[in-house]
């Protein structure tokens, strides 16, 4: 009895990786850009890092809820 997965089954994992990368990188890059625009370096970059980390935790909790329902 083999439990082979189709290549389309891995699409969920690839999309999860993209979500994690976007959830962390977009606030950081936005904070960096706003720091350069307003001259408030490094405060908005640090704020972007905090927002990105909070986004990662939210994604983990949502993934945990989704996997526990299945």
PDB file of N, CA and C in Angstrom:
ATOM      1  N   UNK A   1       0.833  -1.175   0.000  1.00  0.00           N
ATOM      2  CA  UNK A   1       0.000   0.000   0.000  1.00  0.00           C
ATOM      3  C   UNK A   1       0.885   1.249   0.000  1.00  0.00           C
ATOM      4  N   UNK A   2       0.962   1.870  -1.103  1.00  0.00           N
ATOM      5  CA  UNK A   2       1.762   3.082  -1.193  1.00  0.00           C
ATOM      6  C   UNK A   2       0.848   4.290  -1.104  1.00  0.00           C
ATOM      7  N   UNK A   3       1.345   5.267  -0.432  1.00  0.00           N
ATOM      8  CA  UNK A   3       0.598   6.510  -0.260  1.00  0.00           C
ATOM      9  C   UNK A   3       1.320   7.588  -1.058  1.00  0.00           C
ATOM     10  N   UNK A   4       1.307   7.447  -2.382  1.00  0.00           N
ATOM     11  CA  UNK A   4       2.018   8.403  -3.221  1.00  0.00           C
ATOM     12  C   UNK A   4       1.142   9.630  -3.450  1.00  0.00           C
ATOM     13  N   UNK A   5       1.814  10.755  -3.430  1.00  0.00           N
ATOM     14  CA  UNK A   5       1.101  12.021  -3.639  1.00  0.00           C
ATOM     15  C   UNK A   5       1.332  12.496  -5.058  1.00  0.00           C
ATOM     16  N   UNK A   6       0.349  13.175  -5.562  1.00  0.00           N
ATOM     17  CA  UNK A   6       0.464  13.765  -6.889  1.00  0.00           C
ATOM     18  C   UNK A   6       1.229  15.080  -6.768  1.00  0.00           C
ATOM     19  N   UNK A   7       1.817  15.532  -7.847  1.00  0.00           N
ATOM     20  CA  UNK A   7       2.517  16.830  -7.787  1.00  0.00           C
ATOM     21  C   UNK A   7       1.589  17.985  -7.415  1.00  0.00           C
ATOM     22  N   UNK A   8       0.309  17.866  -7.722  1.00  0.00           N
ATOM     23  CA  UNK A   8      -0.606  18.953  -7.370  1.00  0.00           C
ATOM     24  C   UNK A   8      -0.884  18.995  -5.867  1.00  0.00           C
ATOM     25  N   UNK A   9      -0.635  17.878  -5.163  1.00  0.00           N
ATOM     26  CA  UNK A   9      -0.831  17.874  -3.714  1.00  0.00           C
ATOM     27  C   UNK A   9       0.187  18.753  -2.999  1.00  0.00           C
ATOM     28  N   UNK A  10       1.323  18.961  -3.627  1.00  0.00           N
ATOM     29  CA  UNK A  10       2.369  19.769  -3.019  1.00  0.00           C
ATOM     30  C   UNK A  10       2.145  21.265  -3.224  1.00  0.00           C
ATOM     31  N   UNK A  11       1.161  21.609  -4.015  1.00  0.00           N
ATOM     32  CA  UNK A  11       0.867  23.022  -4.272  1.00  0.00           C
ATOM     33  C   UNK A  11       0.488  23.755  -2.988  1.00  0.00           C
ATOM     34  N   UNK A  12      -0.174  23.067  -2.073  1.00  0.00           N
ATOM     35  CA  UNK A  12      -0.545  23.683  -0.794  1.00  0.00           C
ATOM     36  C   UNK A  12       0.695  24.098  -0.006  1.00  0.00           C
ATOM     37  N   UNK A  13       1.722  23.252  -0.042  1.00  0.00           N
ATOM     38  CA  UNK A  13       2.951  23.560   0.687  1.00  0.00           C
ATOM     39  C   UNK A  13       3.724  24.705   0.038  1.00  0.00           C
ATOM     40  N   UNK A  14       3.713  24.744  -1.275  1.00  0.00           N
ATOM     41  CA  UNK A  14       4.387  25.832  -1.984  1.00  0.00           C
ATOM     42  C   UNK A  14       3.677  27.156  -1.714  1.00  0.00           C
ATOM     43  N   UNK A  15       2.363  27.131  -1.707  1.00  0.00           N
ATOM     44  CA  UNK A  15       1.622  28.368  -1.439  1.00  0.00           C
ATOM     45  C   UNK A  15       1.820  28.818   0.008  1.00  0.00           C
ATOM     46  N   UNK A  16       1.955  27.866   0.932  1.00  0.00           N
ATOM     47  CA  UNK A  16       2.226  28.226   2.320  1.00  0.00           C
ATOM     48  C   UNK A  16       3.581  28.913   2.442  1.00  0.00           C
ATOM     49  N   UNK A  17       4.572  28.427   1.738  1.00  0.00           N
ATOM     50  CA  UNK A  17       5.882  29.070   1.746  1.00  0.00           C
ATOM     51  C   UNK A  17       5.824  30.483   1.184  1.00  0.00           C
ATOM     52  N   UNK A  18       5.045  30.664   0.139  1.00  0.00           N
ATOM     53  CA  UNK A  18       4.875  32.008  -0.421  1.00  0.00           C
ATOM     54  C   UNK A  18       4.159  32.941   0.529  1.00  0.00           C
ATOM     55  N   UNK A  19       3.158  32.422   1.244  1.00  0.00           N
ATOM     56  CA  UNK A  19       2.445  33.244   2.230  1.00  0.00           C
ATOM     57  C   UNK A  19       3.376  33.683   3.354  1.00  0.00           C
ATOM     58  N   UNK A  20       4.201  32.763   3.826  1.00  0.00           N
ATOM     59  CA  UNK A  20       5.128  33.090   4.912  1.00  0.00           C
ATOM     60  C   UNK A  20       6.149  34.127   4.442  1.00  0.00           C
ATOM     61  N   UNK A  21       6.679  33.945   3.245  1.00  0.00           N
ATOM     62  CA  UNK A  21       7.660  34.895   2.725  1.00  0.00           C
ATOM     63  C   UNK A  21       7.051  36.281   2.546  1.00  0.00           C
ATOM     64  N   UNK A  22       5.832  36.345   2.027  1.00  0.00           N
ATOM     65  CA  UNK A  22       5.180  37.635   1.821  1.00  0.00           C
ATOM     66  C   UNK A  22       4.797  38.280   3.146  1.00  0.00           C
ATOM     67  N   UNK A  23       4.310  37.473   4.093  1.00  0.00           N
ATOM     68  CA  UNK A  23       3.876  38.021   5.383  1.00  0.00           C
ATOM     69  C   UNK A  23       5.031  38.628   6.156  1.00  0.00           C
ATOM     70  N   UNK A  24       6.237  38.136   5.925  1.00  0.00           N
ATOM     71  CA  UNK A  24       7.393  38.666   6.631  1.00  0.00           C
ATOM     72  C   UNK A  24       8.091  39.768   5.837  1.00  0.00           C
ATOM     73  N   UNK A  25       8.226  39.583   4.537  1.00  0.00           N
ATOM     74  CA  UNK A  25       9.043  40.515   3.764  1.00  0.00           C
ATOM     75  C   UNK A  25       8.324  41.823   3.413  1.00  0.00           C
ATOM     76  N   UNK A  26       7.034  41.789   3.162  1.00  0.00           N
ATOM     77  CA  UNK A  26       6.331  43.012   2.747  1.00  0.00           C
ATOM     78  C   UNK A  26       6.361  44.081   3.837  1.00  0.00           C
ATOM     79  N   UNK A  27       6.037  43.766   5.115  1.00  0.00           N
ATOM     80  CA  UNK A  27       6.132  44.819   6.138  1.00  0.00           C
ATOM     81  C   UNK A  27       7.555  45.324   6.358  1.00  0.00           C
ATOM     82  N   UNK A  28       8.542  44.442   6.221  1.00  0.00           N
ATOM     83  CA  UNK A  28       9.931  44.871   6.408  1.00  0.00           C
ATOM     84  C   UNK A  28      10.338  45.831   5.299  1.00  0.00           C
ATOM     85  N   UNK A  29      10.050  45.478   4.045  1.00  0.00           N
ATOM     86  CA  UNK A  29      10.404  46.366   2.938  1.00  0.00           C
ATOM     87  C   UNK A  29       9.618  47.668   2.984  1.00  0.00           C
ATOM     88  N   UNK A  30       8.363  47.601   3.402  1.00  0.00           N
ATOM     89  CA  UNK A  30       7.567  48.816   3.533  1.00  0.00           C
ATOM     90  C   UNK A  30       8.138  49.721   4.624  1.00  0.00           C
ATOM     91  N   UNK A  31       8.534  49.141   5.754  1.00  0.00           N
ATOM     92  CA  UNK A  31       9.164  49.923   6.812  1.00  0.00           C
ATOM     93  C   UNK A  31      10.471  50.543   6.371  1.00  0.00           C
ATOM     94  N   UNK A  32      11.253  49.800   5.607  1.00  0.00           N
ATOM     95  CA  UNK A  32      12.524  50.331   5.087  1.00  0.00           C
ATOM     96  C   UNK A  32      12.284  51.500   4.141  1.00  0.00           C
ATOM     97  N   UNK A  33      11.303  51.340   3.260  1.00  0.00           N
ATOM     98  CA  UNK A  33      11.007  52.399   2.300  1.00  0.00           C
ATOM     99  C   UNK A  33      10.480  53.652   3.010  1.00  0.00           C
ATOM    100  N   UNK A  34       9.599  53.457   3.994  1.00  0.00           N
ATOM    101  CA  UNK A  34       9.064  54.604   4.733  1.00  0.00           C
ATOM    102  C   UNK A  34      10.150  55.275   5.575  1.00  0.00           C
ATOM    103  N   UNK A  35      11.107  54.511   6.087  1.00  0.00           N
ATOM    104  CA  UNK A  35      12.238  55.099   6.801  1.00  0.00           C
ATOM    105  C   UNK A  35      13.039  56.019   5.891  1.00  0.00           C
ATOM    106  N   UNK A  36      13.292  55.563   4.685  1.00  0.00           N
ATOM    107  CA  UNK A  36      14.040  56.402   3.743  1.00  0.00           C
ATOM    108  C   UNK A  36      13.232  57.625   3.325  1.00  0.00           C
ATOM    109  N   UNK A  37      11.927  57.463   3.204  1.00  0.00           N
ATOM    110  CA  UNK A  37      11.076  58.571   2.757  1.00  0.00           C
ATOM    111  C   UNK A  37      10.936  59.641   3.839  1.00  0.00           C
ATOM    112  N   UNK A  38      10.708  59.229   5.084  1.00  0.00           N
ATOM    113  CA  UNK A  38      10.487  60.172   6.171  1.00  0.00           C
ATOM    114  C   UNK A  38      11.742  60.484   6.975  1.00  0.00           C
ATOM    115  N   UNK A  39      12.809  59.735   6.789  1.00  0.00           N
ATOM    116  CA  UNK A  39      14.040  59.968   7.524  1.00  0.00           C
ATOM    117  C   UNK A  39      13.956  59.588   8.992  1.00  0.00           C
ATOM    118  N   UNK A  40      13.219  58.553   9.316  1.00  0.00           N
ATOM    119  CA  UNK A  40      13.031  58.136  10.698  1.00  0.00           C
ATOM    120  C   UNK A  40      13.817  56.868  11.031  1.00  0.00           C
ATOM    121  N   UNK A  41      14.847  56.611  10.286  1.00  0.00           N
ATOM    122  CA  UNK A  41      15.591  55.366  10.424  1.00  0.00           C
ATOM    123  C   UNK A  41      16.051  55.147  11.849  1.00  0.00           C
ATOM    124  N   UNK A  42      15.960  54.004  12.387  1.00  0.00           N
ATOM    125  CA  UNK A  42      15.494  52.682  11.964  1.00  0.00           C
ATOM    126  C   UNK A  42      14.130  52.322  12.515  1.00  0.00           C
ATOM    127  N   UNK A  43      13.348  53.289  12.973  1.00  0.00           N
ATOM    128  CA  UNK A  43      12.134  52.988  13.729  1.00  0.00           C
ATOM    129  C   UNK A  43      11.045  52.314  12.912  1.00  0.00           C
ATOM    130  N   UNK A  44      10.809  52.754  11.717  1.00  0.00           N
ATOM    131  CA  UNK A  44       9.758  52.125  10.914  1.00  0.00           C
ATOM    132  C   UNK A  44      10.188  50.759  10.397  1.00  0.00           C
ATOM    133  N   UNK A  45      11.480  50.572  10.183  1.00  0.00           N
ATOM    134  CA  UNK A  45      11.983  49.252   9.821  1.00  0.00           C
ATOM    135  C   UNK A  45      11.772  48.272  10.969  1.00  0.00           C
ATOM    136  N   UNK A  46      12.055  48.702  12.180  1.00  0.00           N
ATOM    137  CA  UNK A  46      11.817  47.850  13.344  1.00  0.00           C
ATOM    138  C   UNK A  46      10.327  47.559  13.518  1.00  0.00           C
ATOM    139  N   UNK A  47       9.499  48.556  13.277  1.00  0.00           N
ATOM    140  CA  UNK A  47       8.056  48.341  13.329  1.00  0.00           C
ATOM    141  C   UNK A  47       7.607  47.341  12.280  1.00  0.00           C
ATOM    142  N   UNK A  48       8.197  47.415  11.083  1.00  0.00           N
ATOM    143  CA  UNK A  48       7.884  46.443  10.039  1.00  0.00           C
ATOM    144  C   UNK A  48       8.301  45.038  10.424  1.00  0.00           C
ATOM    145  N   UNK A  49       9.428  44.909  11.114  1.00  0.00           N
ATOM    146  CA  UNK A  49       9.864  43.589  11.593  1.00  0.00           C
ATOM    147  C   UNK A  49       8.871  43.027  12.603  1.00  0.00           C
ATOM    148  N   UNK A  50       8.401  43.870  13.515  1.00  0.00           N
ATOM    149  CA  UNK A  50       7.429  43.412  14.513  1.00  0.00           C
ATOM    150  C   UNK A  50       6.122  42.997  13.842  1.00  0.00           C
ATOM    151  N   UNK A  51       5.664  43.790  12.901  1.00  0.00           N
ATOM    152  CA  UNK A  51       4.429  43.450  12.180  1.00  0.00           C
ATOM    153  C   UNK A  51       4.606  42.150  11.399  1.00  0.00           C
ATOM    154  N   UNK A  52       5.763  41.956  10.786  1.00  0.00           N
ATOM    155  CA  UNK A  52       6.026  40.724  10.054  1.00  0.00           C
ATOM    156  C   UNK A  52       6.026  39.510  10.958  1.00  0.00           C
ATOM    157  N   UNK A  53       6.621  39.631  12.132  1.00  0.00           N
ATOM    158  CA  UNK A  53       6.641  38.509  13.080  1.00  0.00           C
ATOM    159  C   UNK A  53       5.233  38.198  13.572  1.00  0.00           C
ATOM    160  N   UNK A  54       4.445  39.233  13.831  1.00  0.00           N
ATOM    161  CA  UNK A  54       3.055  39.013  14.244  1.00  0.00           C
ATOM    162  C   UNK A  54       2.277  38.312  13.125  1.00  0.00           C
ATOM    163  N   UNK A  55       2.537  38.700  11.873  1.00  0.00           N
ATOM    164  CA  UNK A  55       1.880  38.038  10.740  1.00  0.00           C
ATOM    165  C   UNK A  55       2.232  36.552  10.679  1.00  0.00           C
ATOM    166  N   UNK A  56       3.493  36.216  10.953  1.00  0.00           N
ATOM    167  CA  UNK A  56       3.913  34.816  10.934  1.00  0.00           C
ATOM    168  C   UNK A  56       3.168  34.031  12.005  1.00  0.00           C
ATOM    169  N   UNK A  57       3.047  34.594  13.213  1.00  0.00           N
ATOM    170  CA  UNK A  57       2.322  33.901  14.275  1.00  0.00           C
ATOM    171  C   UNK A  57       0.852  33.713  13.909  1.00  0.00           C
ATOM    172  N   UNK A  58       0.246  34.708  13.301  1.00  0.00           N
ATOM    173  CA  UNK A  58      -1.150  34.584  12.877  1.00  0.00           C
ATOM    174  C   UNK A  58      -1.295  33.471  11.841  1.00  0.00           C
ATOM    175  N   UNK A  59      -0.358  33.398  10.886  1.00  0.00           N
ATOM    176  CA  UNK A  59      -0.407  32.329   9.888  1.00  0.00           C
ATOM    177  C   UNK A  59      -0.248  30.956  10.523  1.00  0.00           C
ATOM    178  N   UNK A  60       0.636  30.847  11.511  1.00  0.00           N
ATOM    179  CA  UNK A  60       0.839  29.564  12.176  1.00  0.00           C
ATOM    180  C   UNK A  60      -0.423  29.138  12.914  1.00  0.00           C
ATOM    181  N   UNK A  61      -1.064  30.065  13.622  1.00  0.00           N
ATOM    182  CA  UNK A  61      -2.285  29.721  14.347  1.00  0.00           C
ATOM    183  C   UNK A  61      -3.420  29.341  13.392  1.00  0.00           C
ATOM    184  N   UNK A  62      -3.540  30.045  12.271  1.00  0.00           N
ATOM    185  CA  UNK A  62      -4.570  29.697  11.298  1.00  0.00           C
ATOM    186  C   UNK A  62      -4.300  28.330  10.672  1.00  0.00           C
ATOM    187  N   UNK A  63      -3.034  28.040  10.374  1.00  0.00           N
ATOM    188  CA  UNK A  63      -2.681  26.745   9.832  1.00  0.00           C
ATOM    189  C   UNK A  63      -2.978  25.641  10.836  1.00  0.00           C
ATOM    190  N   UNK A  64      -2.685  25.890  12.107  1.00  0.00           N
ATOM    191  CA  UNK A  64      -2.961  24.914  13.151  1.00  0.00           C
ATOM    192  C   UNK A  64      -4.465  24.635  13.241  1.00  0.00           C
ATOM    193  N   UNK A  65      -5.270  25.667  13.199  1.00  0.00           N
ATOM    194  CA  UNK A  65      -6.733  25.477  13.250  1.00  0.00           C
ATOM    195  C   UNK A  65      -7.226  24.688  12.026  1.00  0.00           C
ATOM    196  N   UNK A  66      -6.691  25.025  10.868  1.00  0.00           N
ATOM    197  CA  UNK A  66      -7.117  24.351   9.640  1.00  0.00           C
ATOM    198  C   UNK A  66      -6.724  22.877   9.656  1.00  0.00           C
ATOM    199  N   UNK A  67      -5.517  22.568  10.126  1.00  0.00           N
ATOM    200  CA  UNK A  67      -5.075  21.177  10.161  1.00  0.00           C
ATOM    201  C   UNK A  67      -5.802  20.368  11.226  1.00  0.00           C
ATOM    202  N   UNK A  68      -6.178  21.009  12.331  1.00  0.00           N
ATOM    203  CA  UNK A  68      -6.918  20.289  13.362  1.00  0.00           C
ATOM    204  C   UNK A  68      -8.349  19.994  12.940  1.00  0.00           C
ATOM    205  N   UNK A  69      -8.920  20.789  12.051  1.00  0.00           N
ATOM    206  CA  UNK A  69     -10.271  20.543  11.567  1.00  0.00           C
ATOM    207  C   UNK A  69     -10.296  19.363  10.600  1.00  0.00           C
ATOM    208  N   UNK A  70      -9.189  19.152   9.893  1.00  0.00           N
ATOM    209  CA  UNK A  70      -9.128  18.041   8.935  1.00  0.00           C
ATOM    210  C   UNK A  70      -8.852  16.805   9.704  1.00  0.00           C
TER     211      UNK A  70
END
